[in-house]
């Protein structure tokens, strides 16, 4: 078990260093969409280091609406808050049972990269250190009065399900 903790620490440190290297490699990210996703990972990279003990604060999925609205559009932020309320009401995971930016219940990443794909899509690619599996998340962004915001995330292995679809399904079932 100690080896797993050490490996997790090394993985998290690698992720944090990768994010820092990415952030410092270019003085300013010229694409505002890429910059927003980069900022999201910089703020929540610690999730790959910490377990559920909240050593560094609340996870992304537990953030207040004001924090969520810095990154997500109004609709997606409301869906995330609705899922939080469901968790509080039921004391168990509702529809979001994984970390939305690491696509895993056990956040970890190595060799993280963020790039624009055009058409308001930003790709985040990384490797799960434990398995070597390469992951590619696609962030769809929309322009709002407050700038670019994430309107959805598409996950690997789930071609017809996105974060918004997963959360909306929970919202619909919790209103019955």
N, C-alpha and C. Protein backbone atom coordinates (compact mmCIF):
# COMPACT_ATOMS: atom_id res chain seq x y z
N UNK A 1 0.82 -1.18 0.00
CA UNK A 1 0.00 0.00 0.00
C UNK A 1 0.88 1.25 0.00
N UNK A 2 1.97 1.22 0.77
CA UNK A 2 2.87 2.37 0.81
C UNK A 2 3.43 2.66 -0.58
N UNK A 3 3.71 1.61 -1.34
CA UNK A 3 4.21 1.81 -2.70
C UNK A 3 3.17 2.50 -3.56
N UNK A 4 1.89 2.14 -3.37
CA UNK A 4 0.81 2.80 -4.13
C UNK A 4 0.74 4.27 -3.77
N UNK A 5 0.89 4.58 -2.50
CA UNK A 5 0.86 5.97 -2.07
C UNK A 5 2.04 6.72 -2.66
N UNK A 6 3.22 6.11 -2.62
CA UNK A 6 4.39 6.74 -3.22
C UNK A 6 4.18 6.98 -4.71
N UNK A 7 3.68 5.94 -5.41
CA UNK A 7 3.43 6.08 -6.84
C UNK A 7 2.41 7.17 -7.11
N UNK A 8 1.37 7.25 -6.31
CA UNK A 8 0.36 8.29 -6.47
C UNK A 8 0.98 9.66 -6.26
N UNK A 9 1.86 9.78 -5.26
CA UNK A 9 2.54 11.05 -5.01
C UNK A 9 3.43 11.44 -6.17
N UNK A 10 4.16 10.46 -6.72
CA UNK A 10 5.02 10.72 -7.86
C UNK A 10 4.16 11.11 -9.06
N UNK A 11 3.04 10.41 -9.26
CA UNK A 11 2.14 10.73 -10.35
C UNK A 11 1.60 12.14 -10.20
N UNK A 12 1.14 12.47 -9.02
CA UNK A 12 0.58 13.80 -8.79
C UNK A 12 1.65 14.87 -8.97
N UNK A 13 2.83 14.60 -8.46
CA UNK A 13 3.92 15.55 -8.62
C UNK A 13 4.23 15.73 -10.10
N UNK A 14 4.23 14.64 -10.85
CA UNK A 14 4.47 14.72 -12.29
C UNK A 14 3.40 15.56 -12.97
N UNK A 15 2.14 15.37 -12.57
CA UNK A 15 1.05 16.15 -13.14
C UNK A 15 1.21 17.62 -12.82
N UNK A 16 1.50 17.93 -11.57
CA UNK A 16 1.65 19.32 -11.16
C UNK A 16 2.83 19.95 -11.90
N UNK A 17 3.94 19.23 -11.99
CA UNK A 17 5.09 19.76 -12.72
C UNK A 17 4.78 19.92 -14.20
N UNK A 18 4.00 18.97 -14.77
CA UNK A 18 3.61 19.09 -16.18
C UNK A 18 2.75 20.32 -16.40
N UNK A 19 1.80 20.54 -15.49
CA UNK A 19 0.94 21.72 -15.60
C UNK A 19 1.77 22.99 -15.46
N UNK A 20 2.71 22.99 -14.51
CA UNK A 20 3.55 24.17 -14.32
C UNK A 20 4.43 24.39 -15.55
N UNK A 21 4.97 23.32 -16.09
CA UNK A 21 5.81 23.44 -17.28
C UNK A 21 4.99 23.94 -18.45
N UNK A 22 3.78 23.43 -18.60
CA UNK A 22 2.91 23.88 -19.67
C UNK A 22 2.61 25.37 -19.50
N UNK A 23 2.32 25.77 -18.28
CA UNK A 23 1.96 27.17 -18.01
C UNK A 23 3.15 28.10 -18.22
N UNK A 24 4.36 27.63 -17.93
CA UNK A 24 5.51 28.51 -18.05
C UNK A 24 6.22 28.39 -19.39
N UNK A 25 5.87 27.38 -20.19
CA UNK A 25 6.54 27.19 -21.48
C UNK A 25 6.24 28.35 -22.43
N UNK A 26 5.00 28.82 -22.41
CA UNK A 26 4.63 29.97 -23.25
C UNK A 26 4.25 31.11 -22.32
N UNK A 27 4.80 32.29 -22.55
CA UNK A 27 4.51 33.41 -21.66
C UNK A 27 3.02 33.70 -21.54
N UNK A 28 2.29 33.65 -22.64
CA UNK A 28 0.84 33.85 -22.63
C UNK A 28 0.25 32.90 -23.65
N UNK A 29 -0.80 32.21 -23.27
CA UNK A 29 -1.50 31.35 -24.21
C UNK A 29 -2.36 32.27 -25.07
N UNK A 30 -2.14 32.26 -26.35
CA UNK A 30 -2.84 33.20 -27.22
C UNK A 30 -4.29 32.80 -27.45
N UNK A 31 -4.61 31.54 -27.34
CA UNK A 31 -5.98 31.07 -27.53
C UNK A 31 -6.70 31.11 -26.18
N UNK A 32 -7.69 31.96 -26.05
CA UNK A 32 -8.41 32.11 -24.79
C UNK A 32 -9.10 30.82 -24.36
N UNK A 33 -9.52 30.01 -25.32
CA UNK A 33 -10.18 28.74 -24.99
C UNK A 33 -9.18 27.79 -24.33
N UNK A 34 -8.01 27.67 -24.92
CA UNK A 34 -6.97 26.81 -24.35
C UNK A 34 -6.57 27.36 -22.98
N UNK A 35 -6.46 28.66 -22.85
CA UNK A 35 -6.08 29.28 -21.58
C UNK A 35 -7.08 28.96 -20.48
N UNK A 36 -8.37 28.95 -20.80
CA UNK A 36 -9.39 28.63 -19.79
C UNK A 36 -9.24 27.18 -19.30
N UNK A 37 -9.07 26.26 -20.21
CA UNK A 37 -8.92 24.84 -19.83
C UNK A 37 -7.62 24.65 -19.06
N UNK A 38 -6.56 25.32 -19.50
CA UNK A 38 -5.28 25.28 -18.79
C UNK A 38 -5.44 25.77 -17.35
N UNK A 39 -6.16 26.87 -17.17
CA UNK A 39 -6.39 27.42 -15.84
C UNK A 39 -7.18 26.44 -14.96
N UNK A 40 -8.16 25.76 -15.55
CA UNK A 40 -8.94 24.75 -14.81
C UNK A 40 -8.03 23.66 -14.28
N UNK A 41 -7.14 23.15 -15.13
CA UNK A 41 -6.22 22.09 -14.69
C UNK A 41 -5.21 22.61 -13.68
N UNK A 42 -4.74 23.84 -13.86
CA UNK A 42 -3.81 24.40 -12.88
C UNK A 42 -4.45 24.49 -11.50
N UNK A 43 -5.71 24.94 -11.46
CA UNK A 43 -6.38 25.11 -10.17
C UNK A 43 -6.72 23.78 -9.51
N UNK A 44 -7.01 22.74 -10.29
CA UNK A 44 -7.46 21.49 -9.71
C UNK A 44 -6.52 20.31 -9.93
N UNK A 45 -5.26 20.56 -10.30
CA UNK A 45 -4.28 19.48 -10.47
C UNK A 45 -4.03 18.75 -9.16
N UNK A 46 -4.21 19.43 -8.05
CA UNK A 46 -4.00 18.81 -6.74
C UNK A 46 -4.88 17.59 -6.53
N UNK A 47 -6.01 17.49 -7.24
CA UNK A 47 -6.91 16.35 -7.08
C UNK A 47 -6.21 15.04 -7.41
N UNK A 48 -5.21 15.10 -8.28
CA UNK A 48 -4.44 13.91 -8.62
C UNK A 48 -3.47 13.54 -7.52
N UNK A 49 -3.24 14.45 -6.59
CA UNK A 49 -2.32 14.23 -5.48
C UNK A 49 -3.06 13.77 -4.22
N UNK A 50 -4.15 14.44 -3.92
CA UNK A 50 -4.86 14.22 -2.66
C UNK A 50 -5.93 13.16 -2.81
N UNK A 51 -6.21 12.49 -1.72
CA UNK A 51 -7.34 11.58 -1.70
C UNK A 51 -8.56 12.37 -1.27
N UNK A 52 -9.54 11.74 -0.73
CA UNK A 52 -10.78 12.42 -0.38
C UNK A 52 -10.68 13.19 0.94
N UNK A 53 -9.49 13.37 1.47
CA UNK A 53 -9.36 14.04 2.77
C UNK A 53 -9.44 15.57 2.67
N UNK A 54 -9.62 16.11 1.48
CA UNK A 54 -9.80 17.55 1.27
C UNK A 54 -8.61 18.37 1.80
N UNK A 55 -7.43 17.81 1.73
CA UNK A 55 -6.24 18.48 2.20
C UNK A 55 -6.06 19.85 1.53
N UNK A 56 -6.39 19.94 0.25
CA UNK A 56 -6.19 21.18 -0.50
C UNK A 56 -7.49 21.93 -0.75
N UNK A 57 -8.59 21.45 -0.24
CA UNK A 57 -9.87 22.10 -0.44
C UNK A 57 -10.89 21.17 -1.07
N UNK A 58 -11.95 21.77 -1.57
CA UNK A 58 -13.03 21.01 -2.20
C UNK A 58 -12.62 20.61 -3.61
N UNK A 59 -13.05 19.42 -4.01
CA UNK A 59 -12.80 18.98 -5.38
C UNK A 59 -13.62 19.83 -6.34
N UNK A 60 -13.33 19.73 -7.61
CA UNK A 60 -14.06 20.49 -8.61
C UNK A 60 -15.56 20.24 -8.52
N UNK A 61 -15.96 18.99 -8.40
CA UNK A 61 -17.38 18.64 -8.35
C UNK A 61 -18.08 19.18 -7.11
N UNK A 62 -17.33 19.61 -6.10
CA UNK A 62 -17.91 20.12 -4.86
C UNK A 62 -17.88 21.64 -4.76
N UNK A 63 -17.41 22.31 -5.79
CA UNK A 63 -17.25 23.76 -5.74
C UNK A 63 -18.58 24.50 -5.76
N UNK A 64 -18.58 25.68 -5.18
CA UNK A 64 -19.74 26.55 -5.22
C UNK A 64 -20.00 27.00 -6.65
N UNK A 65 -21.22 27.41 -6.89
CA UNK A 65 -21.62 27.88 -8.21
C UNK A 65 -20.71 28.99 -8.73
N UNK A 66 -20.27 29.90 -7.86
CA UNK A 66 -19.43 31.01 -8.30
C UNK A 66 -18.10 30.52 -8.87
N UNK A 67 -17.54 29.47 -8.30
CA UNK A 67 -16.29 28.91 -8.82
C UNK A 67 -16.57 28.16 -10.12
N UNK A 68 -17.63 27.38 -10.14
CA UNK A 68 -17.97 26.62 -11.35
C UNK A 68 -18.23 27.55 -12.53
N UNK A 69 -18.85 28.70 -12.28
CA UNK A 69 -19.18 29.63 -13.36
C UNK A 69 -17.93 30.31 -13.95
N UNK A 70 -16.80 30.24 -13.26
CA UNK A 70 -15.55 30.77 -13.83
C UNK A 70 -15.09 29.91 -15.00
N UNK A 71 -15.49 28.64 -15.00
CA UNK A 71 -15.03 27.69 -16.02
C UNK A 71 -16.14 27.17 -16.93
N UNK A 72 -17.32 26.98 -16.36
CA UNK A 72 -18.42 26.33 -17.09
C UNK A 72 -19.52 27.32 -17.42
N UNK A 73 -20.23 27.06 -18.52
CA UNK A 73 -21.35 27.93 -18.86
C UNK A 73 -22.46 27.74 -17.82
N UNK A 74 -23.42 28.61 -17.87
CA UNK A 74 -24.49 28.63 -16.86
C UNK A 74 -25.18 27.27 -16.75
N UNK A 75 -25.55 26.68 -17.88
CA UNK A 75 -26.28 25.41 -17.86
C UNK A 75 -25.47 24.29 -17.23
N UNK A 76 -24.21 24.15 -17.61
CA UNK A 76 -23.38 23.07 -17.06
C UNK A 76 -23.09 23.30 -15.58
N UNK A 77 -22.87 24.56 -15.18
CA UNK A 77 -22.66 24.86 -13.77
C UNK A 77 -23.90 24.50 -12.95
N UNK A 78 -25.10 24.82 -13.47
CA UNK A 78 -26.34 24.47 -12.76
C UNK A 78 -26.51 22.96 -12.65
N UNK A 79 -26.15 22.23 -13.69
CA UNK A 79 -26.23 20.77 -13.64
C UNK A 79 -25.26 20.19 -12.61
N UNK A 80 -24.06 20.75 -12.52
CA UNK A 80 -23.10 20.30 -11.51
C UNK A 80 -23.62 20.57 -10.10
N UNK A 81 -24.21 21.74 -9.89
CA UNK A 81 -24.77 22.08 -8.57
C UNK A 81 -25.95 21.16 -8.25
N UNK A 82 -26.79 20.86 -9.24
CA UNK A 82 -27.92 19.95 -9.02
C UNK A 82 -27.42 18.57 -8.60
N UNK A 83 -26.31 18.12 -9.20
CA UNK A 83 -25.74 16.83 -8.81
C UNK A 83 -25.20 16.88 -7.38
N UNK A 84 -24.59 18.01 -7.00
CA UNK A 84 -24.13 18.19 -5.61
C UNK A 84 -25.29 18.06 -4.64
N UNK A 85 -26.42 18.69 -4.98
CA UNK A 85 -27.60 18.64 -4.10
C UNK A 85 -28.13 17.22 -3.99
N UNK A 86 -28.10 16.49 -5.08
CA UNK A 86 -28.53 15.09 -5.07
C UNK A 86 -27.64 14.28 -4.14
N UNK A 87 -26.34 14.50 -4.22
CA UNK A 87 -25.39 13.80 -3.34
C UNK A 87 -25.67 14.14 -1.88
N UNK A 88 -25.92 15.41 -1.59
CA UNK A 88 -26.21 15.84 -0.22
C UNK A 88 -27.51 15.20 0.29
N UNK A 89 -28.48 15.10 -0.58
CA UNK A 89 -29.78 14.55 -0.20
C UNK A 89 -29.72 13.03 0.01
N UNK A 90 -29.00 12.33 -0.86
CA UNK A 90 -28.99 10.86 -0.82
C UNK A 90 -27.79 10.27 -0.07
N UNK A 91 -26.77 11.08 0.18
CA UNK A 91 -25.53 10.63 0.83
C UNK A 91 -24.80 9.55 0.03
N UNK A 92 -24.97 9.58 -1.27
CA UNK A 92 -24.25 8.66 -2.15
C UNK A 92 -24.08 9.32 -3.52
N UNK A 93 -23.16 8.81 -4.34
CA UNK A 93 -22.98 9.42 -5.66
C UNK A 93 -24.28 9.36 -6.45
N UNK A 94 -24.53 10.42 -7.18
CA UNK A 94 -25.72 10.43 -8.04
C UNK A 94 -25.27 10.05 -9.44
N UNK A 95 -25.27 10.98 -10.36
CA UNK A 95 -24.89 10.60 -11.71
C UNK A 95 -23.43 10.83 -12.02
N UNK A 96 -22.79 11.66 -11.28
CA UNK A 96 -21.37 11.94 -11.50
C UNK A 96 -20.56 11.18 -10.45
N UNK A 97 -20.08 10.00 -10.83
CA UNK A 97 -19.32 9.19 -9.89
C UNK A 97 -17.85 9.10 -10.27
N UNK A 98 -17.38 10.12 -10.98
CA UNK A 98 -15.97 10.19 -11.36
C UNK A 98 -15.57 11.66 -11.42
N UNK A 99 -14.27 11.90 -11.40
CA UNK A 99 -13.76 13.26 -11.51
C UNK A 99 -13.91 13.72 -12.96
N UNK A 100 -14.64 14.80 -13.20
CA UNK A 100 -14.94 15.18 -14.58
C UNK A 100 -13.74 15.62 -15.41
N UNK A 101 -12.66 16.09 -14.80
CA UNK A 101 -11.52 16.53 -15.61
C UNK A 101 -10.43 15.47 -15.76
N UNK A 102 -10.57 14.37 -15.01
CA UNK A 102 -9.62 13.26 -15.16
C UNK A 102 -10.31 11.99 -15.65
N UNK A 103 -11.64 12.04 -15.82
CA UNK A 103 -12.41 10.91 -16.34
C UNK A 103 -12.14 9.63 -15.56
N UNK A 104 -12.04 9.77 -14.24
CA UNK A 104 -11.68 8.62 -13.41
C UNK A 104 -12.15 8.85 -11.99
N UNK A 105 -12.42 7.75 -11.28
CA UNK A 105 -12.73 7.85 -9.85
C UNK A 105 -11.46 8.05 -9.05
N UNK A 106 -10.33 7.76 -9.66
CA UNK A 106 -9.04 7.90 -8.99
C UNK A 106 -8.16 8.80 -9.86
N UNK A 107 -8.30 10.13 -9.73
CA UNK A 107 -7.59 11.05 -10.62
C UNK A 107 -6.08 10.84 -10.63
N UNK A 108 -5.55 10.74 -11.83
CA UNK A 108 -4.11 10.63 -12.04
C UNK A 108 -3.84 10.95 -13.50
N UNK A 109 -2.69 11.54 -13.76
CA UNK A 109 -2.34 11.85 -15.14
C UNK A 109 -0.84 12.08 -15.25
N UNK A 110 -0.31 11.73 -16.40
CA UNK A 110 1.08 12.02 -16.75
C UNK A 110 1.06 12.54 -18.19
N UNK A 111 2.07 13.30 -18.53
CA UNK A 111 2.22 13.82 -19.90
C UNK A 111 0.97 14.56 -20.37
N UNK A 112 0.43 15.42 -19.54
CA UNK A 112 -0.77 16.17 -19.86
C UNK A 112 -0.47 17.25 -20.90
N UNK A 113 -1.31 17.33 -21.92
CA UNK A 113 -1.18 18.39 -22.91
C UNK A 113 -2.57 18.94 -23.25
N UNK A 114 -2.61 20.21 -23.58
CA UNK A 114 -3.86 20.90 -23.89
C UNK A 114 -3.66 21.62 -25.22
N UNK A 115 -4.59 21.40 -26.16
CA UNK A 115 -4.44 22.02 -27.47
C UNK A 115 -5.79 22.33 -28.09
N UNK A 116 -5.80 23.32 -28.95
CA UNK A 116 -7.01 23.71 -29.67
C UNK A 116 -7.21 22.77 -30.85
N UNK A 117 -8.46 22.37 -31.04
CA UNK A 117 -8.80 21.51 -32.17
C UNK A 117 -9.60 22.28 -33.21
N UNK A 118 -9.83 23.57 -32.99
CA UNK A 118 -10.68 24.34 -33.88
C UNK A 118 -12.14 24.09 -33.55
N UNK A 119 -13.02 24.81 -34.18
CA UNK A 119 -14.46 24.64 -33.95
C UNK A 119 -14.83 24.71 -32.47
N UNK A 120 -14.13 25.54 -31.71
CA UNK A 120 -14.41 25.75 -30.29
C UNK A 120 -14.25 24.48 -29.45
N UNK A 121 -13.36 23.59 -29.88
CA UNK A 121 -13.06 22.37 -29.12
C UNK A 121 -11.61 22.41 -28.68
N UNK A 122 -11.39 22.09 -27.41
CA UNK A 122 -10.05 22.01 -26.84
C UNK A 122 -9.84 20.57 -26.41
N UNK A 123 -8.74 19.98 -26.82
CA UNK A 123 -8.42 18.60 -26.45
C UNK A 123 -7.44 18.59 -25.29
N UNK A 124 -7.71 17.71 -24.34
CA UNK A 124 -6.80 17.46 -23.24
C UNK A 124 -6.39 15.99 -23.36
N UNK A 125 -5.10 15.77 -23.44
CA UNK A 125 -4.59 14.40 -23.57
C UNK A 125 -3.62 14.13 -22.43
N UNK A 126 -3.71 12.94 -21.87
CA UNK A 126 -2.80 12.51 -20.82
C UNK A 126 -2.78 11.00 -20.78
N UNK A 127 -1.91 10.47 -19.95
CA UNK A 127 -1.76 9.03 -19.78
C UNK A 127 -2.07 8.68 -18.33
N UNK A 128 -2.88 7.63 -18.13
CA UNK A 128 -3.06 7.11 -16.77
C UNK A 128 -1.78 6.38 -16.40
N UNK A 129 -1.05 6.86 -15.40
CA UNK A 129 0.23 6.24 -15.06
C UNK A 129 0.14 4.77 -14.66
N UNK A 130 -0.94 4.38 -14.00
CA UNK A 130 -1.04 3.00 -13.51
C UNK A 130 -1.20 1.99 -14.64
N UNK A 131 -1.87 2.38 -15.73
CA UNK A 131 -2.13 1.42 -16.81
C UNK A 131 -1.43 1.77 -18.11
N UNK A 132 -0.95 3.00 -18.23
CA UNK A 132 -0.36 3.44 -19.49
C UNK A 132 -1.39 3.81 -20.54
N UNK A 133 -2.68 3.74 -20.16
CA UNK A 133 -3.75 4.08 -21.10
C UNK A 133 -3.72 5.56 -21.44
N UNK A 134 -3.79 5.84 -22.72
CA UNK A 134 -3.82 7.23 -23.18
C UNK A 134 -5.28 7.69 -23.22
N UNK A 135 -5.51 8.90 -22.72
CA UNK A 135 -6.86 9.44 -22.61
C UNK A 135 -6.93 10.75 -23.37
N UNK A 136 -8.04 10.96 -24.03
CA UNK A 136 -8.27 12.22 -24.73
C UNK A 136 -9.68 12.70 -24.38
N UNK A 137 -9.76 13.85 -23.74
CA UNK A 137 -11.03 14.48 -23.43
C UNK A 137 -11.22 15.64 -24.40
N UNK A 138 -12.43 15.84 -24.85
CA UNK A 138 -12.72 16.96 -25.74
C UNK A 138 -13.66 17.93 -25.04
N UNK A 139 -13.16 19.13 -24.83
CA UNK A 139 -13.93 20.19 -24.19
C UNK A 139 -14.58 21.05 -25.27
N UNK A 140 -15.89 21.20 -25.22
CA UNK A 140 -16.60 22.12 -26.12
C UNK A 140 -16.79 23.43 -25.36
N UNK A 141 -16.39 24.51 -25.98
CA UNK A 141 -16.50 25.83 -25.34
C UNK A 141 -17.47 26.72 -26.10
N UNK A 142 -18.09 27.63 -25.35
CA UNK A 142 -18.98 28.62 -25.94
C UNK A 142 -18.59 29.99 -25.40
N UNK A 143 -18.86 30.98 -26.21
CA UNK A 143 -18.56 32.36 -25.81
C UNK A 143 -19.77 32.91 -25.09
N UNK A 144 -19.54 33.50 -23.92
CA UNK A 144 -20.62 34.13 -23.15
C UNK A 144 -20.25 35.57 -22.89
N UNK A 145 -21.13 36.28 -22.19
CA UNK A 145 -20.84 37.67 -21.85
C UNK A 145 -19.63 37.78 -20.93
N UNK A 146 -19.27 36.70 -20.27
CA UNK A 146 -18.10 36.68 -19.38
C UNK A 146 -16.87 36.04 -20.01
N UNK A 147 -16.90 35.82 -21.31
CA UNK A 147 -15.78 35.19 -21.99
C UNK A 147 -16.08 33.74 -22.32
N UNK A 148 -15.05 33.00 -22.67
CA UNK A 148 -15.21 31.59 -23.02
C UNK A 148 -15.53 30.77 -21.79
N UNK A 149 -16.44 29.80 -21.95
CA UNK A 149 -16.79 28.88 -20.88
C UNK A 149 -16.95 27.49 -21.47
N UNK A 150 -16.69 26.48 -20.65
CA UNK A 150 -16.84 25.09 -21.06
C UNK A 150 -18.33 24.76 -21.04
N UNK A 151 -18.84 24.27 -22.16
CA UNK A 151 -20.26 23.92 -22.22
C UNK A 151 -20.48 22.41 -22.18
N UNK A 152 -19.42 21.63 -22.39
CA UNK A 152 -19.56 20.18 -22.31
C UNK A 152 -18.19 19.52 -22.39
N UNK A 153 -18.12 18.27 -21.97
CA UNK A 153 -16.90 17.47 -22.07
C UNK A 153 -17.30 16.10 -22.62
N UNK A 154 -16.60 15.65 -23.66
CA UNK A 154 -16.81 14.31 -24.22
C UNK A 154 -15.70 13.41 -23.69
N UNK A 155 -16.10 12.21 -23.25
CA UNK A 155 -15.17 11.27 -22.61
C UNK A 155 -14.82 10.09 -23.51
N UNK A 156 -13.63 9.50 -23.30
CA UNK A 156 -13.24 8.33 -24.09
C UNK A 156 -14.13 7.14 -23.73
N UNK A 157 -14.42 6.33 -24.72
CA UNK A 157 -15.20 5.12 -24.46
C UNK A 157 -16.68 5.39 -24.24
N UNK A 158 -17.08 6.65 -24.34
CA UNK A 158 -18.49 7.00 -24.14
C UNK A 158 -18.92 7.88 -25.32
N UNK A 159 -18.96 7.33 -26.52
CA UNK A 159 -19.19 8.17 -27.70
C UNK A 159 -20.52 8.91 -27.70
N UNK A 160 -21.53 8.38 -27.04
CA UNK A 160 -22.83 9.05 -27.06
C UNK A 160 -23.16 9.72 -25.73
N UNK A 161 -22.22 9.76 -24.80
CA UNK A 161 -22.48 10.40 -23.51
C UNK A 161 -21.43 11.46 -23.23
N UNK A 162 -21.91 12.63 -22.88
CA UNK A 162 -21.04 13.72 -22.50
C UNK A 162 -21.36 14.09 -21.05
N UNK A 163 -20.55 14.96 -20.47
CA UNK A 163 -20.79 15.38 -19.10
C UNK A 163 -22.20 15.97 -18.96
N UNK A 164 -22.58 16.81 -19.88
CA UNK A 164 -23.90 17.44 -19.82
C UNK A 164 -25.00 16.39 -19.92
N UNK A 165 -24.86 15.43 -20.81
CA UNK A 165 -25.87 14.38 -20.95
C UNK A 165 -25.97 13.55 -19.68
N UNK A 166 -24.83 13.21 -19.09
CA UNK A 166 -24.84 12.42 -17.85
C UNK A 166 -25.53 13.19 -16.72
N UNK A 167 -25.19 14.45 -16.58
CA UNK A 167 -25.77 15.25 -15.50
C UNK A 167 -27.24 15.56 -15.75
N UNK A 168 -27.64 15.78 -16.98
CA UNK A 168 -29.04 16.06 -17.29
C UNK A 168 -29.89 14.83 -17.04
N UNK A 169 -29.36 13.67 -17.31
CA UNK A 169 -30.09 12.42 -17.06
C UNK A 169 -30.36 12.28 -15.57
N UNK A 170 -29.36 12.58 -14.74
CA UNK A 170 -29.55 12.53 -13.29
C UNK A 170 -30.58 13.54 -12.85
N UNK A 171 -30.50 14.72 -13.41
CA UNK A 171 -31.43 15.78 -13.03
C UNK A 171 -32.85 15.36 -13.36
N UNK A 172 -33.07 14.74 -14.52
CA UNK A 172 -34.39 14.30 -14.92
C UNK A 172 -34.90 13.21 -13.99
N UNK A 173 -34.01 12.26 -13.64
CA UNK A 173 -34.46 11.17 -12.78
C UNK A 173 -34.67 11.62 -11.34
N UNK A 174 -33.95 12.65 -10.89
CA UNK A 174 -34.13 13.11 -9.52
C UNK A 174 -35.37 13.97 -9.35
N UNK A 175 -35.97 14.41 -10.47
CA UNK A 175 -37.17 15.24 -10.36
C UNK A 175 -38.43 14.40 -10.35
N UNK A 176 -38.32 13.10 -10.49
CA UNK A 176 -39.50 12.22 -10.48
C UNK A 176 -39.99 11.97 -9.08
